[in-house]
């Protein structure tokens, strides 16, 4: 709970994002989560419960209710009863999977918590073109959940909460500048001629460095994966990213790894909608290597069941283009 309180106490309230918070709650007790978060932020905090469906609005916080699961669609978040018995429920995995289907290139944030619920969901988010952000286990009150996601190889960014919050505003600004590019990926729109040329150069460079030619793969998928990498390294045009790629050998491998994920798994994921789930990176971040199955000595952990906060933020300005997706 401390991580959520820190997050909402410091995050700007005018970024234009909608935030959905999933935690493991006792099914037979009233939740104090809405009241707790309301003391941390001036944004409206809404508990979604009892088969309700809430319209996603910018600068609003939506929280799970006891004994309910949340799933997100293109424009709303809805609550429903679990079909599984207690002990077999995976509220975070369920939500992240719905996020991957509805808003492919979203951002999922995993904070302090226990167990492994969320690991499969974060993989779905990443495979759909999203970014997975994880609180550094060294500062987490409960290390198990962040450590499990890291050990599974799905964490793109591992940072203290304060750094996650600080980077969010920068990512939000970058995201808005990338809207036309994301729209080209999702709606088959064209990109400027110089950017098209830069795209061909990126694929040529990747082919020369790795021996794999991705030029024949689905264009929307390639643009979506490229957009993901551009966000992570804060390059706002393909031309800028091409220069970055030439100067940073490790980024070639990271882009290659992302393309491999997309061409092997993306067929099961629908095109994203206009919302974004958010976070960003710190200067100390190093490109994630999916081949490595552990980070900083954190091994996979057994599925214990401590309260596990998971945060999704979905960008939906009232006048935003339908190409938005974190």
Protein backbone atom coordinates (compact mmCIF):
# COMPACT_ATOMS: atom_id res chain seq x y z
CA UNK A 1 0.00 0.00 0.00
CA UNK A 2 2.92 2.33 0.70
CA UNK A 3 4.01 2.15 -2.94
CA UNK A 4 0.53 3.11 -4.18
CA UNK A 5 0.35 5.99 -1.72
CA UNK A 6 3.74 7.26 -2.81
CA UNK A 7 2.80 6.94 -6.47
CA UNK A 8 -0.45 8.88 -6.21
CA UNK A 9 0.92 11.44 -3.77
CA UNK A 10 3.54 12.58 -6.26
CA UNK A 11 2.17 11.96 -9.73
CA UNK A 12 0.90 15.06 -11.59
CA UNK A 13 -2.88 15.19 -11.74
CA UNK A 14 -3.16 16.71 -15.23
CA UNK A 15 -1.37 14.21 -17.48
CA UNK A 16 -4.62 13.14 -19.14
CA UNK A 17 -4.40 9.52 -18.04
CA UNK A 18 -6.95 7.24 -16.43
CA UNK A 19 -5.51 4.90 -13.79
CA UNK A 20 -6.83 1.44 -12.95
CA UNK A 21 -5.56 -0.08 -9.70
CA UNK A 22 -5.75 -3.83 -9.01
CA UNK A 23 -4.86 -5.26 -5.60
CA UNK A 24 -5.59 -8.53 -3.81
CA UNK A 25 -8.35 -7.76 -1.29
CA UNK A 26 -10.09 -9.83 1.36
CA UNK A 27 -13.38 -10.85 -0.30
CA UNK A 28 -15.51 -10.47 2.84
CA UNK A 29 -14.34 -7.06 4.06
CA UNK A 30 -15.12 -3.53 2.95
CA UNK A 31 -12.21 -2.01 1.08
CA UNK A 32 -10.63 1.20 2.38
CA UNK A 33 -8.58 1.59 -0.80
CA UNK A 34 -10.74 4.37 -2.35
CA UNK A 35 -10.54 6.43 0.85
CA UNK A 36 -6.80 5.87 1.21
CA UNK A 37 -6.02 6.91 -2.36
CA UNK A 38 -8.41 9.87 -2.17
CA UNK A 39 -6.20 11.29 0.57
CA UNK A 40 -3.19 11.01 -1.77
CA UNK A 41 -4.53 12.76 -4.87
CA UNK A 42 -7.06 15.33 -5.99
CA UNK A 43 -8.09 13.11 -8.90
CA UNK A 44 -11.50 11.43 -8.47
CA UNK A 45 -11.13 7.88 -7.11
CA UNK A 46 -13.89 5.49 -8.16
CA UNK A 47 -14.45 1.94 -6.95
CA UNK A 48 -15.87 -0.26 -9.70
CA UNK A 49 -18.02 -3.05 -8.28
CA UNK A 50 -21.14 -5.22 -8.59
CA UNK A 51 -21.24 -5.64 -12.37
CA UNK A 52 -20.72 -1.92 -12.92
CA UNK A 53 -19.08 -0.53 -16.04
CA UNK A 54 -17.35 2.83 -15.69
CA UNK A 55 -16.47 5.02 -18.64
CA UNK A 56 -12.76 5.78 -18.77
CA UNK A 57 -12.07 9.47 -18.21
CA UNK A 58 -8.86 11.43 -18.15
CA UNK A 59 -7.28 12.13 -14.75
CA UNK A 60 -9.49 9.62 -12.91
CA UNK A 61 -8.51 6.65 -10.74
CA UNK A 62 -10.50 3.40 -10.89
CA UNK A 63 -9.97 0.77 -8.18
CA UNK A 64 -10.99 -2.84 -7.81
CA UNK A 65 -13.63 -3.87 -5.24
CA UNK A 66 -13.50 -6.90 -2.93
CA UNK A 67 -14.40 -10.24 -4.51
CA UNK A 68 -14.49 -8.77 -8.01
CA UNK A 69 -12.31 -8.85 -11.10
CA UNK A 70 -11.80 -5.90 -13.45
CA UNK A 71 -11.44 -6.04 -17.23
CA UNK A 72 -10.89 -3.14 -19.58
CA UNK A 73 -12.42 -2.51 -23.01
CA UNK A 74 -11.89 0.19 -25.58
CA UNK A 75 -13.69 2.89 -23.59
CA UNK A 76 -14.59 1.48 -20.17
CA UNK A 77 -13.57 -0.69 -17.25
CA UNK A 78 -16.02 -3.23 -15.85
CA UNK A 79 -16.36 -5.41 -12.74
CA UNK A 80 -17.71 -8.94 -12.57
CA UNK A 81 -17.70 -11.93 -10.23
CA UNK A 82 -14.96 -14.53 -10.25
CA UNK A 83 -15.73 -17.95 -11.69
CA UNK A 84 -12.73 -19.48 -9.94
CA UNK A 85 -12.75 -20.43 -6.24
CA UNK A 86 -10.59 -18.57 -3.75
CA UNK A 87 -6.97 -19.57 -4.01
CA UNK A 88 -7.18 -19.92 -7.80
CA UNK A 89 -8.01 -16.31 -8.68
CA UNK A 90 -5.58 -14.20 -10.67
CA UNK A 91 -7.09 -10.72 -10.78
CA UNK A 92 -3.93 -9.06 -12.04
CA UNK A 93 -3.30 -11.56 -14.84
CA UNK A 94 -6.93 -11.25 -15.95
CA UNK A 95 -6.76 -7.48 -16.08
CA UNK A 96 -3.43 -7.31 -17.87
CA UNK A 97 -4.69 -9.78 -20.48
CA UNK A 98 -7.73 -7.61 -21.13
CA UNK A 99 -5.39 -4.63 -21.38
CA UNK A 100 -3.28 -6.44 -23.96
CA UNK A 101 -6.35 -7.25 -26.04
CA UNK A 102 -8.04 -3.85 -25.81
CA UNK A 103 -5.04 -1.51 -25.76
CA UNK A 104 -2.16 -3.42 -27.28
CA UNK A 105 0.72 -1.03 -26.73
CA UNK A 106 -0.23 -0.19 -23.16
CA UNK A 107 2.04 0.18 -20.15
CA UNK A 108 1.60 -2.05 -17.10
CA UNK A 109 3.06 -1.08 -13.72
CA UNK A 110 3.78 -3.68 -11.03
CA UNK A 111 4.46 -2.44 -7.50
CA UNK A 112 5.28 -4.10 -4.18
CA UNK A 113 3.42 -7.34 -3.50
CA UNK A 114 3.58 -11.08 -3.01
CA UNK A 115 3.03 -14.09 -5.23
CA UNK A 116 3.23 -14.51 -8.98
CA UNK A 117 -0.18 -13.21 -10.11
CA UNK A 118 0.59 -10.77 -12.91
CA UNK A 119 3.54 -12.59 -14.45
CA UNK A 120 1.52 -14.11 -17.32
CA UNK A 121 -0.43 -10.89 -17.74
CA UNK A 122 2.69 -8.77 -18.10
CA UNK A 123 3.94 -11.14 -20.76
CA UNK A 124 0.67 -10.65 -22.67
CA UNK A 125 1.09 -6.87 -22.39
CA UNK A 126 4.65 -7.03 -23.69
CA UNK A 127 3.77 -9.40 -26.51
CA UNK A 128 0.99 -7.05 -27.58
CA UNK A 129 3.45 -4.18 -27.88
CA UNK A 130 3.17 -2.67 -24.41
CA UNK A 131 5.78 -1.72 -21.84
CA UNK A 132 6.12 -3.34 -18.42
CA UNK A 133 7.38 -1.22 -15.51
CA UNK A 134 8.34 -2.76 -12.21
CA UNK A 135 9.21 -1.30 -8.83
CA UNK A 136 12.77 -2.10 -7.80
CA UNK A 137 12.48 -5.05 -5.38
CA UNK A 138 15.21 -3.54 -3.21
CA UNK A 139 12.80 -0.83 -2.06
CA UNK A 140 9.60 -2.88 -2.13
CA UNK A 141 7.94 -3.88 1.14
CA UNK A 142 7.12 -7.24 -0.49
CA UNK A 143 9.67 -8.31 -3.12
CA UNK A 144 7.98 -11.45 -4.46
CA UNK A 145 5.76 -9.99 -7.18
CA UNK A 146 8.30 -7.55 -8.66
CA UNK A 147 10.98 -10.25 -8.48
CA UNK A 148 8.74 -12.78 -10.24
CA UNK A 149 8.07 -10.41 -13.15
CA UNK A 150 11.77 -9.57 -13.43
CA UNK A 151 12.78 -13.24 -13.32
CA UNK A 152 10.25 -14.04 -16.03
CA UNK A 153 12.01 -11.65 -18.39
CA UNK A 154 9.06 -9.30 -19.00
CA UNK A 155 10.25 -6.21 -17.11
CA UNK A 156 11.35 -3.41 -19.41
CA UNK A 157 12.12 -0.93 -16.63
CA UNK A 158 13.03 -1.60 -13.01
CA UNK A 159 13.06 1.61 -10.95
CA UNK A 160 12.21 3.00 -7.53
CA UNK A 161 8.69 4.44 -7.35
CA UNK A 162 10.01 8.00 -7.16
CA UNK A 163 11.84 7.53 -10.46
CA UNK A 164 8.80 5.90 -12.09
CA UNK A 165 6.70 8.92 -11.17
CA UNK A 166 9.34 11.40 -12.29
CA UNK A 167 9.61 9.72 -15.68
CA UNK A 168 5.86 9.43 -16.23
CA UNK A 169 5.42 13.07 -17.18
CA UNK A 170 8.21 12.80 -19.73
CA UNK A 171 6.68 9.68 -21.23
CA UNK A 172 3.28 11.37 -21.42
CA UNK A 173 4.79 14.24 -23.40
CA UNK A 174 6.65 11.85 -25.69
CA UNK A 175 3.51 9.79 -26.23
CA UNK A 176 1.55 12.77 -27.50
CA UNK A 177 4.31 13.58 -29.97
CA UNK A 178 4.26 10.00 -31.24
CA UNK A 179 0.49 9.90 -31.82
CA UNK A 180 0.65 10.26 -35.60
CA UNK A 181 3.23 7.49 -35.78
CA UNK A 182 1.16 5.16 -33.58
CA UNK A 183 -1.91 5.95 -35.68
CA UNK A 184 -0.01 4.88 -38.79
CA UNK A 185 0.62 1.54 -37.13
CA UNK A 186 -2.97 0.97 -36.04
CA UNK A 187 -4.99 2.53 -38.84
CA UNK A 188 -2.82 1.88 -41.92
CA UNK A 189 -2.14 5.60 -42.37
CA UNK A 190 0.98 6.74 -44.22
CA UNK A 191 4.04 8.31 -42.66
CA UNK A 192 6.15 11.10 -44.24
CA UNK A 193 8.52 10.10 -47.02
CA UNK A 194 11.64 10.83 -44.97
CA UNK A 195 10.33 8.67 -42.15
CA UNK A 196 9.49 5.88 -44.60
CA UNK A 197 13.07 6.03 -45.85
CA UNK A 198 14.37 5.93 -42.28
CA UNK A 199 12.15 2.91 -41.57
CA UNK A 200 13.68 1.02 -44.49
CA UNK A 201 17.14 1.95 -43.19
CA UNK A 202 16.27 0.64 -39.72
CA UNK A 203 15.19 -2.69 -41.19
CA UNK A 204 18.29 -2.83 -43.40
CA UNK A 205 20.55 -2.14 -40.42
CA UNK A 206 18.79 -4.81 -38.40
CA UNK A 207 19.21 -7.32 -41.24
CA UNK A 208 22.93 -6.58 -41.55
CA UNK A 209 23.56 -6.84 -37.81
CA UNK A 210 21.41 -9.91 -37.09
CA UNK A 211 20.98 -11.73 -40.40
CA UNK A 212 17.17 -11.52 -40.13
CA UNK A 213 15.09 -9.67 -42.70
CA UNK A 214 11.88 -8.24 -41.20
CA UNK A 215 10.90 -6.16 -44.25
CA UNK A 216 8.21 -8.67 -45.29
CA UNK A 217 6.50 -8.85 -41.91
CA UNK A 218 3.18 -7.15 -41.21
CA UNK A 219 3.70 -3.40 -41.39
CA UNK A 220 1.42 -2.50 -38.49
CA UNK A 221 3.18 -4.96 -36.21
CA UNK A 222 6.63 -3.63 -37.15
CA UNK A 223 5.55 -0.01 -36.59
CA UNK A 224 3.99 -0.91 -33.27
CA UNK A 225 7.14 -2.65 -32.02
CA UNK A 226 9.31 0.17 -33.32
CA UNK A 227 7.13 2.71 -31.55
CA UNK A 228 7.62 0.78 -28.31
CA UNK A 229 11.40 0.98 -28.60
CA UNK A 230 11.27 4.66 -29.58
CA UNK A 231 9.32 5.45 -26.42
CA UNK A 232 11.75 3.57 -24.21
CA UNK A 233 14.78 5.45 -25.51
CA UNK A 234 12.97 8.79 -25.98
CA UNK A 235 13.45 9.11 -29.74
CA UNK A 236 10.46 10.84 -31.29
CA UNK A 237 11.09 10.25 -35.00
CA UNK A 238 12.28 7.20 -36.89
CA UNK A 239 15.18 9.27 -38.23
CA UNK A 240 16.26 10.09 -34.68
CA UNK A 241 15.87 6.47 -33.67
CA UNK A 242 17.99 5.36 -36.65
CA UNK A 243 20.83 7.59 -35.43
CA UNK A 244 20.40 6.22 -31.92
CA UNK A 245 20.45 2.67 -33.27
CA UNK A 246 23.72 3.29 -35.08
CA UNK A 247 25.32 4.72 -31.94
CA UNK A 248 24.09 2.10 -29.44
CA UNK A 249 24.91 -1.48 -30.38
CA UNK A 250 22.84 -2.89 -27.50
CA UNK A 251 19.69 -1.26 -28.88
CA UNK A 252 20.00 -3.31 -32.08
CA UNK A 253 19.70 -6.46 -29.97
CA UNK A 254 16.77 -5.00 -28.00
CA UNK A 255 14.89 -4.12 -31.19
CA UNK A 256 15.63 -7.56 -32.61
CA UNK A 257 14.30 -9.23 -29.45
CA UNK A 258 11.11 -7.14 -29.66
CA UNK A 259 10.57 -8.03 -33.31
CA UNK A 260 11.02 -11.72 -32.51
CA UNK A 261 8.37 -11.49 -29.81
CA UNK A 262 5.95 -9.81 -32.18
CA UNK A 263 6.30 -12.17 -35.12
CA UNK A 264 5.89 -15.29 -32.97
CA UNK A 265 3.01 -14.21 -30.72
CA UNK A 266 1.27 -11.14 -32.02
CA UNK A 267 -1.33 -13.00 -34.08
CA UNK A 268 -3.33 -13.68 -30.93
CA UNK A 269 -3.62 -9.99 -30.00
CA UNK A 270 -6.09 -7.56 -31.50
CA UNK A 271 -5.21 -4.06 -32.65
CA UNK A 272 -5.03 -1.53 -29.78
CA UNK A 273 -7.52 1.23 -29.05
CA UNK A 274 -6.92 4.82 -28.02
CA UNK A 275 -5.86 4.38 -24.41
CA UNK A 276 -2.46 4.23 -22.85
CA UNK A 277 -1.00 2.61 -19.84
CA UNK A 278 2.04 4.49 -18.74
CA UNK A 279 5.54 4.68 -17.45
CA UNK A 280 9.01 5.50 -18.51
CA UNK A 281 12.66 5.06 -17.89
CA UNK A 282 15.56 6.52 -16.00
CA UNK A 283 19.00 7.40 -17.35
CA UNK A 284 20.49 4.51 -15.41
CA UNK A 285 18.29 2.00 -17.25
CA UNK A 286 20.04 -0.56 -19.43
CA UNK A 287 18.29 -2.38 -22.30
CA UNK A 288 16.55 -5.49 -21.02
CA UNK A 289 17.82 -8.83 -22.32
CA UNK A 290 14.90 -11.28 -22.56
CA UNK A 291 17.31 -14.20 -22.84
CA UNK A 292 18.39 -13.69 -19.21
CA UNK A 293 15.97 -15.18 -16.70
CA UNK A 294 17.15 -13.37 -13.58
CA UNK A 295 18.18 -9.84 -12.59
CA UNK A 296 20.31 -8.71 -9.66
CA UNK A 297 20.07 -12.16 -8.10
CA UNK A 298 16.27 -12.25 -7.85
CA UNK A 299 15.11 -15.82 -8.67
CA UNK A 300 11.57 -16.96 -9.48
CA UNK A 301 9.43 -17.20 -6.38
CA UNK A 302 6.54 -19.44 -5.32
CA UNK A 303 2.99 -18.03 -5.55
CA UNK A 304 2.44 -16.70 -2.05
CA UNK A 305 -0.56 -14.42 -1.59
CA UNK A 306 0.33 -11.11 -0.06
CA UNK A 307 -1.49 -7.94 -1.23
CA UNK A 308 -0.12 -7.19 -4.66
CA UNK A 309 -0.73 -3.74 -6.11
CA UNK A 310 -0.81 -3.53 -9.85
CA UNK A 311 -1.35 -0.28 -11.69
CA UNK A 312 -2.53 0.38 -15.20
CA UNK A 313 -2.92 3.88 -16.47
CA UNK A 314 -4.87 4.55 -19.63
CA UNK A 315 -4.59 7.83 -21.45
CA UNK A 316 -7.86 9.21 -22.63
CA UNK A 317 -8.08 12.94 -23.18
CA UNK A 318 -11.57 14.08 -24.11
CA UNK A 319 -10.19 15.27 -27.44
CA UNK A 320 -7.43 12.73 -27.90
CA UNK A 321 -6.90 10.93 -31.20
CA UNK A 322 -7.87 7.24 -31.33
CA UNK A 323 -4.23 6.29 -31.87
CA UNK A 324 -3.24 6.69 -28.23
CA UNK A 325 -2.05 3.53 -26.54
CA UNK A 326 0.29 2.88 -23.57
